[in-house]
Protein backbone atom coordinates (compact mmCIF):
# COMPACT_ATOMS: atom_id res chain seq x y z
CA MET A 1 117.30 197.65 -6.54
CA ARG A 2 114.66 197.50 -9.24
CA ASP A 3 112.63 200.59 -10.05
CA THR A 4 109.16 199.05 -9.60
CA SER A 5 107.42 202.42 -10.02
CA THR A 6 108.77 202.68 -13.57
CA GLU A 7 107.64 199.12 -14.30
CA ILE A 8 104.13 199.83 -13.01
CA GLU A 9 103.96 202.98 -15.14
CA ARG A 10 104.96 201.05 -18.25
CA ILE A 11 102.34 198.36 -17.57
CA ASN A 12 99.64 200.99 -17.05
CA GLN A 13 100.61 202.83 -20.23
CA GLY A 14 100.46 199.54 -22.14
CA ASN A 15 96.83 199.08 -21.08
CA VAL A 16 97.52 195.61 -19.69
CA CYS A 17 95.64 193.67 -17.04
CA VAL A 18 96.50 190.41 -15.33
CA ILE A 19 93.94 187.60 -15.19
CA ILE A 20 94.35 185.06 -12.39
CA PRO A 21 92.04 182.04 -12.69
CA THR A 22 91.92 180.10 -9.44
CA TYR A 23 90.35 176.92 -8.14
CA ASN A 24 91.14 175.55 -4.67
CA ASN A 25 94.62 177.07 -4.47
CA HIS A 26 94.22 178.67 -1.04
CA LYS A 27 97.79 177.75 0.00
CA THR A 28 99.37 179.93 -2.69
CA LEU A 29 96.68 182.40 -3.80
CA LYS A 30 97.49 185.21 -1.34
CA ARG A 31 101.20 185.07 -2.13
CA VAL A 32 100.51 185.18 -5.87
CA LEU A 33 98.18 188.17 -5.49
CA ASP A 34 100.64 190.07 -3.28
CA CYS A 35 103.46 189.46 -5.77
CA VAL A 36 101.39 190.58 -8.78
CA LEU A 37 100.28 193.71 -6.88
CA GLU A 38 103.94 194.73 -6.71
CA HIS A 39 103.77 195.22 -10.48
CA THR A 40 100.18 196.27 -11.23
CA THR A 41 96.78 196.87 -9.64
CA HIS A 42 95.00 196.00 -12.88
CA ILE A 43 94.02 192.48 -11.86
CA ILE A 44 91.00 190.31 -12.61
CA VAL A 45 90.60 187.28 -10.33
CA VAL A 46 88.29 184.51 -11.55
CA ASN A 47 87.25 182.23 -8.69
CA ASP A 48 86.07 179.12 -10.52
CA GLY A 49 83.77 177.71 -7.85
CA SER A 50 86.44 177.06 -5.22
CA THR A 51 85.31 175.09 -2.17
CA ASP A 52 88.30 175.90 0.05
CA ALA A 53 89.23 179.20 1.75
CA THR A 54 89.59 181.08 -1.58
CA ALA A 55 86.49 183.26 -1.02
CA VAL A 56 87.73 184.24 2.45
CA ILE A 57 91.17 185.18 1.09
CA LEU A 58 89.62 187.31 -1.65
CA GLU A 59 87.66 189.33 0.94
CA ASP A 60 90.97 191.03 1.77
CA PHE A 61 91.41 192.05 -1.89
CA GLN A 62 88.22 193.98 -2.51
CA GLN A 63 90.13 196.53 -4.59
CA LEU A 64 90.56 193.91 -7.31
CA ILE A 65 87.98 193.01 -9.94
CA GLN A 66 86.56 189.63 -8.99
CA ILE A 67 84.44 187.11 -10.86
CA HIS A 68 82.91 184.29 -8.81
CA HIS A 69 81.50 181.17 -10.44
CA PRO A 70 78.86 179.39 -8.33
CA LYS A 71 80.38 176.03 -9.31
CA ASN A 72 83.55 174.81 -10.94
CA SER A 73 83.24 175.18 -14.73
CA GLY A 74 86.80 174.58 -15.91
CA LYS A 75 89.83 176.72 -16.66
CA GLY A 76 88.62 177.40 -20.19
CA ILE A 77 85.41 179.03 -18.97
CA ALA A 78 87.36 180.96 -16.33
CA LEU A 79 89.68 182.37 -19.00
CA ARG A 80 86.84 183.12 -21.39
CA ASN A 81 84.99 185.08 -18.72
CA GLY A 82 88.21 186.86 -17.80
CA PHE A 83 88.77 187.82 -21.45
CA LYS A 84 85.19 189.07 -21.68
CA LYS A 85 85.55 191.26 -18.60
CA ALA A 86 88.91 192.61 -19.82
CA SER A 87 87.31 193.49 -23.18
CA GLU A 88 84.46 195.30 -21.40
CA LEU A 89 87.05 197.31 -19.47
CA GLN A 90 88.81 198.07 -22.78
CA TYR A 91 92.17 196.51 -22.03
CA ASP A 92 94.40 195.85 -25.05
CA TYR A 93 96.40 193.00 -23.53
CA VAL A 94 95.89 190.42 -20.81
CA ILE A 95 98.55 188.45 -18.99
CA THR A 96 97.37 185.17 -17.49
CA ILE A 97 99.17 183.73 -14.50
CA ASP A 98 98.29 180.57 -12.60
CA SER A 99 97.45 180.78 -8.90
CA ASP A 100 99.34 177.63 -7.87
CA GLY A 101 102.58 179.51 -7.19
CA GLN A 102 104.65 178.04 -10.02
CA HIS A 103 105.01 181.40 -11.80
CA PHE A 104 107.02 184.44 -10.73
CA ALA A 105 105.28 187.80 -10.98
CA SER A 106 108.72 189.35 -11.45
CA ASP A 107 108.58 188.02 -15.03
CA ILE A 108 105.62 190.27 -15.92
CA PRO A 109 107.88 193.09 -17.23
CA LYS A 110 109.45 190.61 -19.70
CA PHE A 111 106.11 190.28 -21.48
CA ILE A 112 105.64 194.05 -21.65
CA GLU A 113 109.18 194.61 -22.91
CA SER A 114 108.78 191.97 -25.61
CA ILE A 115 105.61 193.60 -26.96
CA ALA A 116 107.24 197.04 -26.83
CA ASN A 117 110.32 195.82 -28.70
CA THR A 118 108.92 193.39 -31.29
CA GLY A 119 105.25 194.31 -31.70
CA ASP A 120 102.01 192.47 -31.13
CA ALA A 121 102.23 188.74 -30.54
CA LEU A 122 100.75 186.02 -28.38
CA LEU A 123 103.52 185.28 -25.91
CA ILE A 124 103.87 182.01 -24.00
CA GLY A 125 106.24 181.75 -21.06
CA SER A 126 108.77 179.04 -21.80
CA ARG A 127 109.68 176.93 -18.77
CA ASN A 128 112.88 174.97 -18.32
CA MET A 129 111.30 171.51 -18.45
CA MET A 130 114.67 169.87 -17.69
CA GLN A 131 115.10 171.44 -14.27
CA GLU A 132 114.79 169.43 -11.09
CA GLY A 133 111.27 168.92 -9.76
CA VAL A 134 109.41 169.10 -13.09
CA PRO A 135 106.89 166.22 -13.12
CA LYS A 136 107.54 163.69 -15.89
CA LYS A 137 103.90 163.82 -17.01
CA SER A 138 104.26 167.59 -17.49
CA SER A 139 107.38 167.15 -19.62
CA PHE A 140 105.77 164.44 -21.75
CA GLY A 141 102.52 166.40 -22.13
CA ASN A 142 104.45 169.46 -23.24
CA LYS A 143 106.38 167.55 -25.92
CA PHE A 144 103.12 166.00 -27.13
CA SER A 145 101.46 169.42 -27.32
CA ASN A 146 104.48 171.03 -29.02
CA PHE A 147 104.42 168.40 -31.78
CA TRP A 148 100.76 168.85 -32.60
CA PHE A 149 101.00 172.65 -32.49
CA TRP A 150 103.85 172.44 -35.01
CA PHE A 151 101.90 170.00 -37.21
CA GLU A 152 98.78 172.20 -37.17
CA THR A 153 100.50 175.56 -37.65
CA GLY A 154 104.03 174.94 -38.94
CA ASN A 155 105.37 176.92 -35.96
CA ARG A 156 107.87 175.28 -33.61
CA LEU A 157 107.75 176.26 -29.92
CA GLU A 158 109.58 174.97 -26.87
CA ASP A 159 106.58 175.31 -24.54
CA THR A 160 102.91 175.35 -25.58
CA GLN A 161 101.35 174.36 -22.25
CA SER A 162 102.53 177.11 -19.93
CA GLY A 163 99.65 179.09 -18.44
CA TYR A 164 101.83 182.19 -18.09
CA ARG A 165 100.95 184.12 -21.24
CA LEU A 166 100.27 187.48 -22.82
CA TYR A 167 97.29 187.68 -25.17
CA PRO A 168 96.76 190.59 -27.59
CA LEU A 169 93.08 190.85 -26.72
CA LEU A 170 92.04 192.79 -29.83
CA LEU A 171 93.57 190.23 -32.21
CA ILE A 172 92.81 186.78 -30.81
CA PRO A 173 89.54 184.95 -31.70
CA LYS A 174 86.48 186.17 -29.83
CA ASN A 175 84.53 182.89 -29.60
CA TYR A 176 85.75 179.46 -28.49
CA PHE A 177 84.44 175.91 -28.47
CA THR A 178 86.33 174.39 -25.53
CA THR A 179 85.76 174.88 -21.81
CA LYS A 180 88.56 173.12 -19.91
CA PHE A 181 92.37 173.04 -20.09
CA GLU A 182 92.24 172.46 -23.84
CA LEU A 183 91.15 176.07 -24.45
CA GLU A 184 94.78 177.11 -24.02
CA ILE A 185 95.62 174.93 -27.04
CA GLU A 186 92.64 176.09 -29.08
CA VAL A 187 93.43 179.77 -28.63
CA ILE A 188 97.09 179.54 -29.68
CA VAL A 189 96.37 177.35 -32.73
CA ARG A 190 93.49 179.50 -33.96
CA SER A 191 95.50 182.66 -33.30
CA ALA A 192 98.37 181.28 -35.38
CA TRP A 193 95.88 180.48 -38.14
CA LYS A 194 94.81 184.14 -38.07
CA GLY A 195 98.40 185.18 -38.71
CA ILE A 196 99.12 186.34 -35.14
CA PRO A 197 102.76 185.60 -34.19
CA VAL A 198 102.91 183.04 -31.37
CA LYS A 199 106.24 183.14 -29.54
CA ASN A 200 108.00 181.86 -26.44
CA ILE A 201 109.82 184.02 -23.93
CA PRO A 202 111.87 182.48 -21.10
CA ILE A 203 110.36 182.52 -17.61
CA GLN A 204 111.18 181.12 -14.20
CA VAL A 205 109.15 178.28 -12.76
CA LEU A 206 108.79 176.69 -9.33
CA TYR A 207 107.36 173.23 -8.69
CA ASP A 208 106.78 172.84 -4.96
CA PRO A 209 104.97 169.54 -4.28
CA SER A 210 104.07 170.67 -0.76
CA GLU A 211 102.05 173.65 -2.05
CA ARG A 212 101.21 173.08 -5.69
CA VAL A 213 97.80 171.58 -6.43
CA SER A 214 97.21 170.42 -10.00
CA HIS A 215 93.64 169.92 -11.19
CA PHE A 216 94.72 168.31 -14.45
CA ARG A 217 93.09 164.88 -14.77
CA PRO A 218 95.51 162.81 -16.85
CA PHE A 219 93.03 160.46 -18.53
CA VAL A 220 89.99 162.72 -18.93
CA ASP A 221 91.81 165.91 -19.89
CA PHE A 222 94.34 164.14 -22.09
CA THR A 223 91.41 162.54 -23.95
CA ARG A 224 89.73 165.94 -24.39
CA ILE A 225 92.98 167.43 -25.69
CA SER A 226 93.44 164.50 -28.10
CA ILE A 227 89.91 164.97 -29.47
CA LEU A 228 90.56 168.69 -29.93
CA ASN A 229 93.83 168.02 -31.74
CA THR A 230 92.04 165.54 -34.03
CA PHE A 231 89.60 168.25 -35.12
CA LEU A 232 92.37 170.85 -35.44
CA VAL A 233 94.44 168.52 -37.63
CA ILE A 234 91.44 167.86 -39.90
CA ILE A 235 90.73 171.60 -40.21
CA SER A 236 94.40 172.29 -40.81
CA LEU A 237 94.79 169.69 -43.56
CA PHE A 238 91.50 170.30 -45.36
CA TYR A 239 91.24 174.08 -45.01
CA ILE A 240 94.12 175.99 -43.40
CA LYS A 241 97.06 174.50 -45.31
CA PRO A 242 95.33 174.68 -48.74
CA ARG A 243 94.21 178.25 -47.92
CA ASP A 244 97.71 179.32 -46.91
CA PHE A 245 99.25 177.61 -49.92
CA PHE A 246 97.01 179.35 -52.45
CA ARG A 247 97.36 182.68 -50.62
CA SER A 248 101.13 182.34 -50.76
CA LEU A 249 101.03 181.32 -54.41
CA LYS A 250 98.77 184.25 -55.28
CA LYS A 251 100.88 186.72 -53.32
CA LYS A 252 104.29 185.57 -54.51
CA GLY A 253 103.45 184.29 -57.96
CA VAL A 254 104.49 180.92 -59.36
CA ARG A 255 108.03 182.05 -60.26
CA LYS A 256 108.88 183.38 -56.80
CA PHE A 257 107.23 180.39 -55.12
CA LEU A 258 109.38 177.98 -57.15
CA LEU A 259 112.53 179.99 -56.43
CA GLU A 260 111.98 180.21 -52.66
CA ASN A 261 110.60 176.75 -51.96
CA ILE A 262 112.42 174.62 -54.52
CA PHE A 263 115.54 176.17 -56.04
CA GLU A 264 116.59 178.15 -52.94
CA SER A 265 115.47 175.60 -50.36
CA GLN A 266 118.17 174.26 -48.03
CA ASP A 267 117.07 170.65 -48.62
CA SER A 268 119.21 168.46 -50.86
CA ASN A 269 118.25 168.00 -54.51
CA GLU A 270 117.35 164.38 -53.74
CA VAL A 271 114.93 165.40 -50.98
CA LYS A 272 113.32 168.12 -53.09
CA SER A 273 112.83 165.90 -56.13
CA ALA A 274 111.50 163.07 -53.92
CA SER A 275 109.04 165.54 -52.36
CA ILE A 276 107.85 166.55 -55.84
CA ALA A 277 107.44 162.91 -56.86
CA LEU A 278 105.51 162.15 -53.66
CA GLY A 279 103.11 165.03 -54.21
CA VAL A 280 102.53 164.18 -57.88
CA PHE A 281 101.87 160.51 -57.10
CA PHE A 282 99.20 161.15 -54.47
CA GLY A 283 97.79 164.07 -56.45
CA ILE A 284 96.97 161.70 -59.32
CA ALA A 285 96.35 158.41 -57.45
CA PRO A 286 92.67 157.74 -56.54
CA PHE A 287 92.82 158.79 -52.89
CA TRP A 288 89.91 161.19 -53.33
CA GLY A 289 89.84 163.85 -50.62
CA PHE A 290 92.82 162.40 -48.75
CA GLN A 291 95.69 163.30 -51.09
CA SER A 292 96.96 166.17 -48.96
CA ILE A 293 96.63 164.30 -45.65
CA ILE A 294 98.56 161.27 -46.89
CA THR A 295 101.16 163.43 -48.64
CA LEU A 296 101.82 165.58 -45.57
CA PHE A 297 101.90 162.54 -43.27
CA LEU A 298 104.50 160.79 -45.43
CA ALA A 299 106.50 164.00 -45.92
CA VAL A 300 106.70 164.38 -42.13
CA LEU A 301 107.50 160.68 -41.69
CA PHE A 302 110.33 160.73 -44.26
CA ARG A 303 111.43 164.26 -43.24
CA TRP A 304 110.99 165.55 -46.77
CA ASN A 305 109.91 169.03 -47.81
CA LYS A 306 106.24 169.37 -46.75
CA ILE A 307 105.60 172.58 -48.71
CA ILE A 308 106.86 171.14 -51.98
CA ALA A 309 105.05 167.82 -51.48
CA PHE A 310 101.79 169.57 -50.60
CA ALA A 311 102.07 171.96 -53.55
CA PHE A 312 102.48 169.16 -56.08
CA SER A 313 99.72 167.07 -54.48
CA ASN A 314 97.37 169.75 -55.85
CA ILE A 315 98.25 168.77 -59.42
CA SER A 316 94.71 167.43 -59.80
CA PHE A 317 93.04 170.82 -59.66
CA PRO A 318 89.93 171.29 -61.90
CA PRO A 319 91.50 172.20 -65.31
CA PHE A 320 93.65 169.03 -65.23
CA ILE A 321 91.03 166.60 -63.88
CA PRO A 322 89.55 165.62 -67.31
CA PHE A 323 93.05 164.86 -68.65
CA ILE A 324 93.95 162.82 -65.56
CA ILE A 325 90.74 160.80 -65.76
CA TYR A 326 91.09 160.26 -69.50
CA GLY A 327 94.75 159.27 -69.21
CA SER A 328 93.93 156.86 -66.37
CA LEU A 329 91.15 155.21 -68.37
CA GLN A 330 93.33 154.84 -71.45
CA LEU A 331 96.22 153.31 -69.50
CA GLY A 332 93.87 151.04 -67.61
CA SER A 333 92.32 149.80 -70.85
CA ILE A 334 95.70 148.28 -71.80
CA PHE A 335 95.41 145.86 -68.88
CA ILE A 336 91.61 145.67 -68.57
CA PRO A 337 90.05 145.68 -72.05
CA SER A 338 86.65 147.29 -72.63
CA THR A 339 84.14 147.08 -75.46
CA LYS A 340 83.34 150.82 -75.28
CA HIS A 341 85.84 153.30 -76.68
CA LEU A 342 86.24 156.58 -74.77
CA SER A 343 87.47 159.85 -76.24
CA LEU A 344 88.41 163.12 -74.61
CA ASN A 345 85.23 165.11 -75.20
CA THR A 346 82.13 166.26 -73.36
CA SER A 347 80.65 162.78 -73.32
CA LEU A 348 83.16 161.76 -70.66
CA SER A 349 81.03 161.62 -67.49
CA PHE A 350 80.93 160.07 -64.07
CA SER A 351 78.84 157.21 -65.47
CA ASP A 352 81.74 156.40 -67.79
CA ILE A 353 84.02 156.20 -64.78
CA GLN A 354 81.55 153.94 -62.96
CA GLU A 355 81.31 151.64 -65.97
CA HIS A 356 85.09 151.51 -66.26
CA PHE A 357 85.89 151.68 -62.54
CA SER A 358 88.49 148.90 -62.47
CA GLN A 359 90.04 150.36 -65.59
CA TYR A 360 90.27 153.78 -63.95
CA ILE A 361 91.73 152.50 -60.65
CA VAL A 362 94.47 150.47 -62.34
CA GLY A 363 95.19 153.22 -64.86
CA SER A 364 95.33 155.99 -62.26
CA PHE A 365 97.96 154.13 -60.23
CA ILE A 366 99.99 153.53 -63.38
CA LEU A 367 99.65 157.17 -64.45
CA ALA A 368 100.52 158.35 -60.92
CA THR A 369 103.64 156.18 -60.86
CA VAL A 370 104.79 157.22 -64.35
CA MET A 371 104.16 160.93 -63.78
CA SER A 372 105.80 160.93 -60.35
CA ILE A 373 108.93 159.33 -61.85
CA ILE A 374 108.96 161.81 -64.73
CA PHE A 375 108.42 164.84 -62.46
CA GLY A 376 110.89 163.56 -59.86
CA LEU A 377 113.73 162.78 -62.30
CA THR A 378 113.14 165.88 -64.42
CA SER A 379 113.16 168.19 -61.42
CA TYR A 380 116.27 166.46 -60.05
CA PHE A 381 118.25 166.94 -63.28
CA ILE A 382 117.07 170.56 -63.59
CA MET A 383 118.18 171.31 -60.03
CA VAL A 384 121.53 169.59 -60.59
CA LEU A 385 122.11 171.57 -63.80
CA LEU A 386 121.17 174.84 -62.09
CA SER A 387 123.47 174.04 -59.15
CA THR A 388 126.35 173.24 -61.53
CA PHE A 389 125.75 176.42 -63.51
CA LYS A 390 125.58 178.47 -60.31
CA ASN A 391 128.83 176.99 -58.97
CA LYS A 392 130.67 177.73 -62.24
CA LYS A 393 129.66 181.38 -61.98
């Protein structure tokens, strides 16, 4: 028999509360509340404008903190208001559990134990999506969400859509933009961007079609989630990934970065040199503002090293730009003659580029191709020589 008194004491000492957002789940709400009460009395129920018997059921749970929305506002708003109330009450962590009966309150101690053993993290309950009874749309939606979370953060998870979670309240973002189901994606992506570990822990799950009521609207909510992911991808590619790259480079130094991500990488020498060549090509080619996006997309498509490709796509940083432009113009002039001679001095301006636009475009593609071949082959032979030397030792 489990010692529930010890579990309750541990939860209370951890300063944890449970948030239960609910909307028209009168069939399962009472059972969920009774089960959670076996583990803790620190519960915040957010009634998101239910029109069924929810309000009547909650009259029997006056000891719990309750928030009642006059009309349905969406799960995102319900969670945001729950977070706000938990912050006012000075809780350090919140566990969210859905009121549709699919989660088991007996898994609550797993979240507490994980925090106690491994430190602060945002924990997401990982469901067995292969078990009998899991709706196909849920399995597909989860795979879709997992892919985009990985693309936006570089972190692979087995389940990013489960509503059974533990949030380190003092660490996660304080303000959000979304109001519906997509908030659960926004919060984990933005938390990962802040450097908060986002992890899965295994949980039980029950899908009972006779009781479970899902308020997820496939077309509308999937569209909202897709729009959110579009914005998150743009932010990730234009800000987060460059920020993380330069932070890593500054922290580690160029030598350590090259050792860890190139010479000590588990990828083959062919893949690493191809990744370098890819980055150099798009770093020089005239894809202004889109070099990193295209490079990362192709690196993912070809399953090459994204970090290496992205790093070398930044070859066109300010000190090198005049040389790249000048070299492109000179190479282009071989194929597209011009009456005006250009030299590498301060007179080289944007007007010169406009006047010699065709020259620059042709030359930049030639320069990008030549330099990518040189960088790719040189890096390949260096890595082969180092591997040979290492094996002889």
